[in-house]
Protein backbone atom coordinates (compact mmCIF):
# COMPACT_ATOMS: atom_id res chain seq x y z
CA MET A 1 23.48 9.87 -22.99
CA SER A 2 23.06 6.36 -24.28
CA THR A 3 24.90 4.91 -27.24
CA ALA A 4 21.83 5.19 -29.40
CA GLY A 5 21.61 8.96 -29.20
CA LEU A 6 24.71 10.78 -28.11
CA PRO A 7 24.57 14.50 -28.93
CA LYS A 8 26.51 15.23 -32.07
CA VAL A 9 29.08 17.87 -31.56
CA ALA A 10 30.73 20.64 -33.52
CA GLY A 11 34.20 22.05 -33.51
CA ILE A 12 36.40 24.93 -34.49
CA ASN A 13 37.85 24.70 -37.96
CA PRO A 14 41.63 24.91 -37.60
CA PRO A 15 43.74 24.53 -40.73
CA ILE A 16 45.27 21.17 -41.51
CA PRO A 17 49.06 21.68 -41.30
CA THR A 18 50.78 21.72 -44.67
CA SER A 19 54.18 20.65 -43.47
CA ALA A 20 53.42 18.11 -40.76
CA HIS A 21 55.17 14.78 -41.18
CA THR A 22 54.53 13.38 -37.72
CA ALA A 23 51.42 13.14 -35.58
CA ALA A 24 52.88 15.32 -32.82
CA PRO A 25 53.39 18.46 -34.95
CA ALA A 26 49.90 17.98 -36.37
CA VAL A 27 48.44 18.03 -32.89
CA GLU A 28 50.46 21.10 -31.88
CA GLN A 29 49.56 23.17 -34.92
CA GLN A 30 45.88 22.30 -34.93
CA SER A 31 45.07 22.93 -31.29
CA HIS A 32 45.19 26.72 -31.12
CA PRO A 33 41.85 28.32 -30.16
CA ASP A 34 42.39 31.13 -32.65
CA ALA A 35 42.39 28.72 -35.59
CA ARG A 36 40.35 30.18 -38.43
CA SER A 37 36.72 29.14 -38.62
CA ALA A 38 34.89 28.01 -41.70
CA GLN A 39 32.45 30.89 -41.16
CA GLY A 40 33.82 33.74 -43.25
CA GLY A 41 37.41 32.37 -43.43
CA PRO A 42 39.20 31.55 -46.67
CA ASP A 43 39.14 28.02 -47.95
CA GLU A 44 41.87 25.76 -46.56
CA THR A 45 43.57 25.61 -49.97
CA ASP A 46 43.58 29.36 -50.49
CA GLY A 47 46.95 31.06 -50.98
CA PRO A 48 48.16 34.23 -49.26
CA ALA A 49 45.68 37.07 -48.79
CA GLY A 50 42.79 34.79 -49.70
CA GLN A 51 43.95 34.29 -53.32
CA PRO A 52 43.23 30.89 -54.84
CA GLY A 53 46.11 28.46 -54.29
CA THR A 54 47.83 26.56 -57.06
CA ALA A 55 47.20 22.91 -57.90
CA GLN A 56 50.58 22.09 -56.39
CA ASP A 57 49.50 23.71 -53.11
CA GLY A 58 46.35 21.61 -53.06
CA LEU A 59 48.25 18.42 -53.86
CA ALA A 60 50.85 19.10 -51.15
CA SER A 61 48.07 19.79 -48.69
CA TRP A 62 46.37 16.48 -49.39
CA VAL A 63 49.66 14.60 -49.12
CA ASP A 64 50.11 16.10 -45.66
CA ASP A 65 46.53 15.20 -44.78
CA LEU A 66 47.06 11.58 -45.79
CA THR A 67 50.32 11.41 -43.86
CA THR A 68 48.60 12.67 -40.73
CA LEU A 69 45.69 10.27 -41.28
CA HIS A 70 48.07 7.34 -41.67
CA GLU A 71 49.94 8.17 -38.45
CA LEU A 72 46.75 8.60 -36.45
CA SER A 73 45.38 5.32 -37.82
CA GLU A 74 48.56 3.49 -36.82
CA ARG A 75 48.18 4.72 -33.25
CA LEU A 76 44.57 3.56 -33.22
CA ALA A 77 45.53 0.11 -34.49
CA ARG A 78 47.71 -0.42 -31.44
CA THR A 79 44.71 -0.26 -29.08
CA ALA A 80 43.45 -3.62 -27.83
CA CYS A 81 40.17 -2.81 -26.04
CA VAL A 82 37.09 -0.70 -26.76
CA GLU A 83 37.78 1.90 -24.07
CA ASP A 84 41.35 2.51 -25.27
CA ALA A 85 40.17 2.73 -28.89
CA LEU A 86 37.49 5.30 -28.00
CA ARG A 87 39.99 7.35 -26.02
CA GLU A 88 42.49 7.33 -28.90
CA MET A 89 39.77 8.25 -31.39
CA LEU A 90 38.72 11.24 -29.26
CA ARG A 91 42.33 12.35 -28.90
CA ALA A 92 42.95 12.09 -32.65
CA GLY A 93 39.72 13.91 -33.51
CA GLY A 94 40.59 16.62 -31.03
CA ALA A 95 44.02 16.98 -32.60
CA LEU A 96 42.53 17.31 -36.08
CA THR A 97 39.91 19.87 -35.13
CA GLY A 98 41.49 21.62 -32.17
CA ALA A 99 38.87 20.20 -29.80
CA ARG A 100 39.54 20.42 -26.08
CA ARG A 101 36.73 18.14 -24.91
CA GLY A 102 34.84 15.20 -26.30
CA LEU A 103 32.65 12.22 -25.57
CA ALA A 104 32.35 8.85 -27.30
CA ALA A 105 30.36 5.69 -26.68
CA ALA A 106 30.24 2.31 -28.36
CA GLY A 107 28.22 -0.74 -27.46
CA PRO A 108 27.75 -4.32 -28.62
CA ALA A 109 25.30 -3.70 -31.46
CA GLY A 110 22.95 -6.64 -31.82
CA HIS A 111 24.30 -8.36 -28.70
CA GLY A 112 22.83 -6.24 -25.92
CA GLY A 113 24.77 -5.21 -22.86
CA PRO A 114 26.01 -1.85 -21.63
CA ALA A 115 27.88 0.63 -23.80
CA THR A 116 31.43 1.78 -23.10
CA VAL A 117 31.52 5.57 -22.54
CA THR A 118 34.76 7.57 -22.59
CA GLY A 119 35.36 11.29 -22.20
CA LEU A 120 38.12 13.67 -23.29
CA GLY A 121 38.78 16.56 -20.90
CA LEU A 122 35.53 15.89 -19.03
CA SER A 123 35.18 15.13 -15.33
CA PRO A 124 32.81 12.38 -14.12
CA ALA A 125 30.32 15.09 -13.05
CA GLU A 126 30.42 16.67 -16.52
CA LEU A 127 29.91 13.27 -18.15
CA GLY A 128 26.90 12.73 -15.88
CA ALA A 129 25.46 16.10 -16.85
CA LEU A 130 25.79 15.29 -20.56
CA GLU A 131 23.95 12.01 -20.04
CA THR A 132 20.89 13.97 -18.90
CA VAL A 133 20.46 15.58 -22.32
CA PRO A 134 17.27 14.13 -23.92
CA LEU A 135 17.70 11.68 -26.78
CA PRO A 136 16.35 12.39 -30.28
CA ALA A 137 12.77 11.36 -30.86
CA SER A 138 13.87 8.89 -33.56
CA PRO A 139 17.37 7.63 -32.73
CA GLY A 140 17.45 5.45 -35.85
CA THR A 141 17.25 8.50 -38.11
CA VAL A 142 20.32 10.27 -36.68
CA PRO A 143 22.42 11.53 -39.63
CA ALA A 144 26.02 10.52 -40.23
CA GLU A 145 27.18 13.84 -38.79
CA GLU A 146 25.54 16.67 -36.89
CA ILE A 147 26.73 20.23 -36.34
CA HIS A 148 25.59 22.72 -33.72
CA PRO A 149 27.63 25.87 -34.49
CA ASP A 150 26.18 27.91 -31.62
CA LEU A 151 24.72 25.86 -28.77
CA CYS A 152 23.72 28.85 -26.68
CA HIS A 153 21.70 30.67 -29.36
CA GLU A 154 20.66 27.96 -31.83
CA PRO A 155 16.89 28.10 -32.40
CA GLY A 156 14.94 24.93 -31.79
CA LEU A 157 17.57 23.36 -29.54
CA ASP A 158 16.19 21.35 -26.61
CA PRO A 159 16.16 23.57 -23.48
CA ARG A 160 17.97 20.93 -21.44
CA HIS A 161 20.65 20.69 -24.12
CA ARG A 162 21.17 24.44 -23.99
CA GLU A 163 21.18 24.46 -20.18
CA VAL A 164 23.95 21.85 -20.02
CA ALA A 165 25.94 23.67 -22.70
CA VAL A 166 25.81 26.92 -20.74
CA ARG A 167 26.73 25.23 -17.46
CA LEU A 168 29.74 23.43 -18.98
CA GLY A 169 30.81 26.31 -21.20
CA LEU A 170 30.19 24.55 -24.51
CA GLY A 171 30.02 26.92 -27.45
CA ALA A 172 29.68 24.47 -30.35
CA SER A 173 29.54 20.76 -31.05
CA TYR A 174 30.37 18.41 -33.88
CA ALA A 175 29.32 14.75 -33.81
CA VAL A 176 29.70 11.74 -36.06
CA ARG A 177 27.86 8.46 -36.04
CA LEU A 178 29.88 5.27 -35.52
CA ALA A 179 28.42 2.62 -37.80
CA THR A 180 29.47 -0.05 -40.27
CA GLU A 181 27.50 -1.98 -42.87
CA SER A 182 28.21 -5.33 -41.20
CA ALA A 183 27.84 -4.39 -37.51
CA GLY A 184 25.27 -1.62 -37.80
CA ARG A 185 25.35 1.38 -35.50
CA LEU A 186 27.83 1.10 -32.64
CA GLY A 187 27.50 4.57 -31.10
CA SER A 188 28.59 8.18 -31.55
CA ALA A 189 31.59 10.44 -31.09
CA VAL A 190 31.16 14.08 -30.06
CA TRP A 191 33.66 16.94 -29.85
CA PHE A 192 32.89 20.11 -27.87
CA TYR A 193 34.39 23.59 -28.21
CA ASP A 194 34.37 26.68 -26.08
CA GLU A 195 33.35 29.17 -28.79
CA PRO A 196 30.78 29.10 -31.62
CA ALA A 197 32.35 27.52 -34.72
CA GLU A 198 31.63 25.27 -37.68
CA PRO A 199 34.09 22.87 -39.34
CA GLY A 200 34.86 23.32 -43.00
CA GLU A 201 34.18 20.77 -45.72
CA ARG A 202 37.79 19.67 -46.09
CA LEU A 203 38.19 19.11 -42.35
CA ARG A 204 34.95 17.19 -42.13
CA HIS A 205 36.03 14.98 -45.01
CA LEU A 206 39.33 14.17 -43.29
CA ILE A 207 37.61 13.38 -39.99
CA GLY A 208 35.11 11.23 -41.86
CA LEU A 209 37.92 9.15 -43.37
CA TYR A 210 39.51 8.66 -39.97
CA VAL A 211 36.24 7.82 -38.21
CA ARG A 212 35.37 5.29 -40.93
CA HIS A 213 38.61 3.44 -40.24
CA ALA A 214 38.19 3.83 -36.47
CA THR A 215 34.67 2.41 -36.56
CA GLU A 216 35.81 -0.74 -38.37
CA HIS A 217 38.47 -1.21 -35.71
CA LEU A 218 35.92 -0.59 -32.95
CA ALA A 219 33.52 -3.10 -34.47
CA ARG A 220 36.20 -5.80 -34.30
CA LEU A 221 36.99 -4.96 -30.67
CA VAL A 222 33.30 -4.93 -29.71
CA GLU A 223 32.81 -8.34 -31.32
CA LEU A 224 35.90 -9.63 -29.53
CA ASP A 225 34.53 -8.36 -26.22
CA HIS A 226 31.27 -10.16 -26.94
CA LEU A 227 33.12 -13.42 -27.62
CA ARG A 228 35.13 -13.00 -24.44
CA ALA A 229 31.97 -12.42 -22.43
CA THR A 230 30.38 -15.51 -24.00
CA ALA A 231 33.41 -17.63 -23.14
CA ALA A 232 33.47 -16.24 -19.60
CA GLY A 233 29.78 -17.04 -19.10
CA LEU A 234 30.24 -20.56 -20.47
CA ARG A 235 33.29 -21.12 -18.28
CA ALA A 236 31.42 -19.94 -15.19
CA GLN A 237 28.73 -22.54 -15.85
CA LEU A 238 31.29 -25.33 -16.28
CA LEU A 239 33.33 -24.67 -13.13
CA PRO A 240 32.17 -25.32 -9.54
CA THR A 241 29.79 -22.70 -8.17
CA ARG A 242 31.05 -23.37 -4.63
CA LEU A 243 33.62 -25.52 -2.85
CA PRO A 244 32.43 -28.43 -0.67
CA ARG A 245 32.66 -28.33 3.12
CA ILE A 246 34.68 -31.30 4.32
CA PRO A 247 35.41 -31.78 8.06
CA GLY A 248 39.10 -31.26 8.76
CA VAL A 249 39.87 -29.41 5.51
CA ARG A 250 39.37 -25.77 4.50
CA LEU A 251 39.45 -24.87 0.81
CA ALA A 252 40.03 -21.67 -1.16
CA VAL A 253 40.54 -21.06 -4.86
CA THR A 254 41.53 -18.21 -7.18
CA HIS A 255 40.79 -18.44 -10.89
CA VAL A 256 41.81 -15.64 -13.27
CA ALA A 257 40.69 -16.27 -16.84
CA ALA A 258 42.56 -15.13 -19.93
CA PRO A 259 40.71 -12.54 -22.05
CA GLY A 260 40.35 -14.96 -24.96
CA GLY A 261 38.93 -17.77 -22.85
CA GLY A 262 41.44 -20.36 -21.67
CA GLY A 263 40.95 -24.02 -20.78
CA ASP A 264 42.18 -24.27 -17.18
CA TRP A 265 39.92 -25.91 -14.63
CA TYR A 266 39.79 -26.79 -10.95
CA ASP A 267 37.56 -29.05 -8.93
CA ALA A 268 36.95 -30.21 -5.38
CA MET A 269 34.47 -33.02 -4.81
CA ALA A 270 33.17 -34.95 -1.83
CA LEU A 271 33.80 -38.69 -2.32
CA PRO A 272 32.43 -41.75 -0.53
CA GLU A 273 33.59 -42.51 3.04
CA GLY A 274 34.40 -38.86 3.76
CA ALA A 275 37.21 -38.61 1.19
CA LEU A 276 37.97 -35.53 -0.87
CA GLY A 277 39.03 -35.32 -4.52
CA LEU A 278 41.06 -32.34 -5.75
CA SER A 279 41.99 -31.66 -9.35
CA VAL A 280 43.48 -28.92 -11.50
CA GLY A 281 44.28 -29.03 -15.19
CA GLY A 282 44.23 -27.26 -18.48
CA VAL A 283 43.31 -27.92 -22.12
CA THR A 284 45.55 -26.45 -24.79
CA GLY A 285 44.14 -23.60 -26.88
CA SER A 286 41.72 -20.77 -26.23
CA GLY A 287 38.20 -19.71 -27.16
CA THR A 288 34.79 -21.25 -26.68
CA GLY A 289 35.86 -24.61 -28.18
CA THR A 290 38.62 -24.95 -25.62
CA VAL A 291 36.26 -23.95 -22.81
CA GLY A 292 33.80 -26.61 -23.95
CA ALA A 293 36.52 -29.27 -24.04
CA MET A 294 37.60 -28.23 -20.54
CA GLY A 295 34.05 -28.73 -19.26
CA ARG A 296 33.82 -32.19 -20.79
CA LEU A 297 37.14 -33.31 -19.30
CA ARG A 298 36.31 -31.96 -15.86
CA ALA A 299 32.94 -33.75 -15.87
CA ALA A 300 34.57 -37.00 -17.00
CA LEU A 301 37.25 -36.74 -14.30
CA ARG A 302 34.56 -36.39 -11.64
CA ALA A 303 32.92 -39.60 -12.84
CA TYR A 304 36.21 -41.51 -12.96
CA ALA A 305 37.11 -40.24 -9.46
CA VAL A 306 33.97 -41.88 -8.07
CA LEU A 307 34.45 -45.12 -10.03
CA GLU A 308 38.18 -45.65 -9.41
CA GLY A 309 38.20 -44.87 -5.69
CA GLU A 310 41.65 -44.31 -4.19
CA ASP A 311 43.68 -44.84 -7.39
CA PRO A 312 44.60 -41.47 -8.99
CA VAL A 313 46.68 -43.17 -11.70
CA ALA A 314 43.63 -45.10 -12.89
CA VAL A 315 41.57 -41.90 -12.89
CA LEU A 316 44.03 -40.10 -15.20
CA SER A 317 44.52 -43.22 -17.36
CA ASP A 318 40.77 -43.35 -18.00
CA LEU A 319 40.76 -39.61 -18.74
CA GLU A 320 43.65 -39.98 -21.19
CA LEU A 321 41.88 -42.75 -23.08
CA LEU A 322 38.71 -40.66 -23.31
CA LEU A 323 40.62 -37.64 -24.64
CA ARG A 324 42.53 -39.71 -27.19
CA LEU A 325 39.36 -41.36 -28.52
CA THR A 326 36.96 -38.42 -28.51
CA GLU A 327 39.22 -35.40 -29.11
CA PRO A 328 42.44 -36.65 -30.74
CA ALA A 329 43.48 -33.16 -31.85
CA ARG A 330 43.71 -31.86 -28.26
CA SER A 331 46.07 -32.36 -25.38
CA ALA A 332 45.75 -31.47 -21.72
CA THR A 333 47.61 -31.47 -18.44
CA ALA A 334 46.01 -32.64 -15.22
CA LEU A 335 46.73 -33.33 -11.56
CA TYR A 336 44.40 -35.38 -9.40
CA ALA A 337 44.70 -36.00 -5.65
CA HIS A 338 42.66 -38.35 -3.45
CA VAL A 339 42.62 -37.00 0.11
CA ASP A 340 41.68 -38.75 3.36
CA PRO A 341 41.05 -35.84 5.77
CA ALA A 342 40.97 -38.13 8.83
CA THR A 343 44.54 -39.38 8.40
CA GLY A 344 46.02 -36.70 6.12
CA ARG A 345 46.94 -39.35 3.54
CA ILE A 346 47.14 -37.91 0.01
CA ALA A 347 47.57 -40.06 -3.10
CA LEU A 348 48.08 -38.16 -6.33
CA SER A 349 49.11 -38.48 -9.95
CA GLY A 350 49.96 -35.90 -12.58
CA ALA A 351 50.02 -35.79 -16.37
CA GLY A 352 52.50 -33.17 -17.55
CA HIS A 353 51.44 -30.93 -14.67
CA CYS A 354 53.30 -28.75 -12.16
CA PRO A 355 54.02 -30.49 -8.81
CA PRO A 356 51.96 -29.30 -5.84
CA LEU A 357 53.52 -27.38 -2.96
CA VAL A 358 53.17 -28.26 0.73
CA VAL A 359 53.37 -25.25 3.07
CA GLY A 360 53.74 -25.73 6.81
CA GLU A 361 55.66 -24.58 9.87
CA ARG A 362 58.39 -27.19 9.47
CA ARG A 363 58.52 -27.57 5.70
CA VAL A 364 57.82 -25.76 2.46
CA GLU A 365 58.53 -28.23 -0.32
CA PHE A 366 57.28 -29.51 -3.62
CA VAL A 367 55.78 -33.00 -3.70
CA GLU A 368 57.99 -35.47 -5.54
CA THR A 369 56.04 -36.56 -8.62
CA SER A 370 57.28 -38.58 -11.57
CA LEU A 371 57.59 -36.81 -14.89
CA SER A 372 54.96 -37.81 -17.41
CA ALA A 373 53.59 -36.61 -20.72
CA PRO A 374 50.40 -34.56 -20.98
CA LEU A 375 47.15 -36.35 -21.72
CA GLY A 376 46.70 -37.15 -25.39
CA MET A 377 50.43 -37.10 -26.20
CA LEU A 378 51.19 -40.83 -25.93
CA SER A 379 49.46 -43.88 -27.40
CA CYS A 380 49.58 -45.58 -24.00
CA TRP A 381 49.74 -43.28 -20.99
CA GLU A 382 50.45 -44.21 -17.42
CA ALA A 383 52.62 -42.62 -14.73
CA PRO A 384 53.48 -43.80 -11.23
CA GLY A 385 51.53 -42.14 -8.48
CA ALA A 386 52.88 -40.47 -5.38
CA GLU A 387 51.74 -40.69 -1.79
CA PHE A 388 52.49 -38.56 1.28
CA ARG A 389 50.89 -37.41 4.50
CA ALA A 390 49.85 -33.83 5.26
CA LEU A 391 50.27 -32.80 8.89
CA PRO A 392 47.79 -30.65 10.82
CA GLY A 393 48.41 -26.98 10.06
CA GLU A 394 49.84 -27.64 6.59
CA THR A 395 48.38 -26.37 3.32
CA LEU A 396 48.52 -28.07 -0.05
CA LEU A 397 48.76 -25.68 -3.04
CA LEU A 398 47.68 -26.96 -6.45
CA TYR A 399 48.10 -24.61 -9.41
CA THR A 400 48.27 -24.43 -13.20
CA ASP A 401 51.28 -23.38 -15.25
CA GLY A 402 49.59 -20.05 -15.97
CA LEU A 403 50.68 -18.97 -12.48
CA LEU A 404 54.31 -19.51 -13.51
CA HIS A 405 54.02 -18.13 -17.04
CA ARG A 406 52.37 -14.89 -15.92
CA THR A 407 55.47 -13.99 -13.92
CA GLY A 408 57.36 -13.51 -17.20
CA ASP A 409 60.30 -15.54 -15.84
CA ALA A 410 61.78 -18.80 -17.04
CA THR A 411 60.13 -21.85 -15.50
CA ASP A 412 62.94 -22.67 -13.05
CA ARG A 413 63.11 -19.05 -11.92
CA ALA A 414 59.29 -18.87 -11.53
CA VAL A 415 59.28 -22.10 -9.48
CA THR A 416 61.96 -20.68 -7.17
CA ARG A 417 59.94 -17.49 -6.71
CA LEU A 418 56.80 -19.51 -5.93
CA HIS A 419 58.64 -21.44 -3.22
CA ALA A 420 60.05 -18.22 -1.76
CA ALA A 421 56.63 -16.53 -1.78
CA ALA A 422 55.04 -19.41 0.15
CA ALA A 423 57.97 -19.69 2.56
CA GLY A 424 57.81 -15.96 3.30
CA ALA A 425 54.14 -15.97 4.28
CA PRO A 426 53.58 -14.82 7.90
CA ARG A 427 52.19 -17.34 10.39
CA ALA A 428 48.80 -15.60 10.54
CA VAL A 429 48.51 -15.77 6.75
CA ARG A 430 49.32 -19.49 6.65
CA GLU A 431 46.42 -20.23 8.98
CA ASP A 432 43.87 -19.19 6.33
CA PRO A 433 44.03 -20.81 2.85
CA ALA A 434 42.43 -17.78 1.18
CA LEU A 435 44.95 -15.41 2.75
CA LEU A 436 47.84 -17.68 1.80
CA ALA A 437 46.67 -17.90 -1.83
CA ASP A 438 46.28 -14.14 -2.00
CA HIS A 439 49.73 -13.60 -0.48
CA VAL A 440 51.34 -15.90 -3.06
CA LEU A 441 49.60 -14.15 -5.95
CA ARG A 442 50.44 -10.65 -4.75
CA THR A 443 54.07 -11.65 -4.25
CA LEU A 444 54.46 -13.34 -7.63
CA LEU A 445 52.32 -10.89 -9.62
CA PRO A 446 52.61 -7.47 -7.95
CA ASP A 447 51.45 -5.68 -11.12
CA GLY A 448 48.08 -7.42 -11.31
CA ARG A 449 46.56 -10.66 -12.55
CA GLY A 450 44.25 -9.77 -15.43
CA ALA A 451 46.14 -7.62 -17.92
CA HIS A 452 45.05 -7.83 -21.57
CA GLU A 453 48.45 -9.15 -22.62
CA ASP A 454 48.01 -12.24 -20.41
CA THR A 455 47.08 -15.11 -22.69
CA GLU A 456 46.77 -17.96 -20.15
CA ASP A 457 44.40 -18.84 -17.35
CA LEU A 458 45.59 -18.92 -13.76
CA VAL A 459 44.32 -21.33 -11.10
CA LEU A 460 45.52 -21.60 -7.50
CA LEU A 461 43.69 -24.09 -5.27
CA ALA A 462 44.60 -24.22 -1.55
CA ALA A 463 43.60 -26.97 0.91
CA ARG A 464 44.50 -26.47 4.60
CA PHE A 465 44.43 -29.41 7.01
CA ASP A 466 43.26 -28.52 10.53
């Protein structure tokens, strides 16, 4: 089913616990399949033997409801992506109603793009079967909630809907629409039950309060995902689409972007007389503004690299002046290297950037570079350059500080680990720059490179000299 018309589902009507003070007991007490249904059962506030309860009983019951609602909402607030939020919402709704299975979907309303679909207690095959259920004729008129108390015998139900319900053993369904006034309709959440049932008014009211809060949270996450996708698309347009082919040098690069859109860049450009220019750097901050500033600096560096020839210090001096005059509120780090593939001569200069690493059979060492401030931090910037010669079979690794920060270690410890990772690469791995870069990343970051908690970009550019 698409986001616009998920089937709305109904559930059994278990009682809300009257003595639950934590979310776990609430889940345990509300999940029994023999929970009383709203069809023919006493009202949730009734006393023993169906006699009307006192006002104190009703007040105590609502206090417990609000406590449970608060605890479930706190758990939801800790989710950081749409899929996790949908999964937590299904789990909480199942705990409130005793549901065993459910389905939820939310998409970027007004932005286009695919919806995120998550199931509770459903296999991929069962999710696929539910997606074959026909959509309503007028998706825009779907009510805020929809109840099907008996899917197998309800008159007027679409035959395909009934067929899927019988095949999956669905007895009833209860669904709610996910929508906000500002974002519009985001999707739907559906809970399925094994037996015919219908939720009571009090239970539906409690679920409605929770879903209202959950939808606001989902809307923020969906908007954040849209901004991240926008930043990623902009960044992809501002970085090289391919690396140049230079005789005598093989290049490989890995770029892992932060979810919020970081400002790290890399570049490799063919220069006059067969030379090669390599650069990595990063602009402070995150978001689309930072990505735009990164693109402007990278484009300017390319122009200065052509104009200044073999002088990396002059290239970064020109870049620093441009940054200070045009974007005084920003700072950036950068490393630029001018490479002569025929002789292996490399002249480089850095501005507050990590020193490159040379990896070969006879040496694995960092290039000695003078310490200097980042671009935009001094009124008059200039740092001495460095020059060395790369031997055939050696690889030059240029990287951003995100590679070190993502390890979670202190800088000196991360630098030591980087050196050890490169030194421990097998001979066959060192012969291919892509394999060497991948080996370094897997050694430093064995748990992955793109977790949501990572807030910095990562760039690793490898140049092997044949």
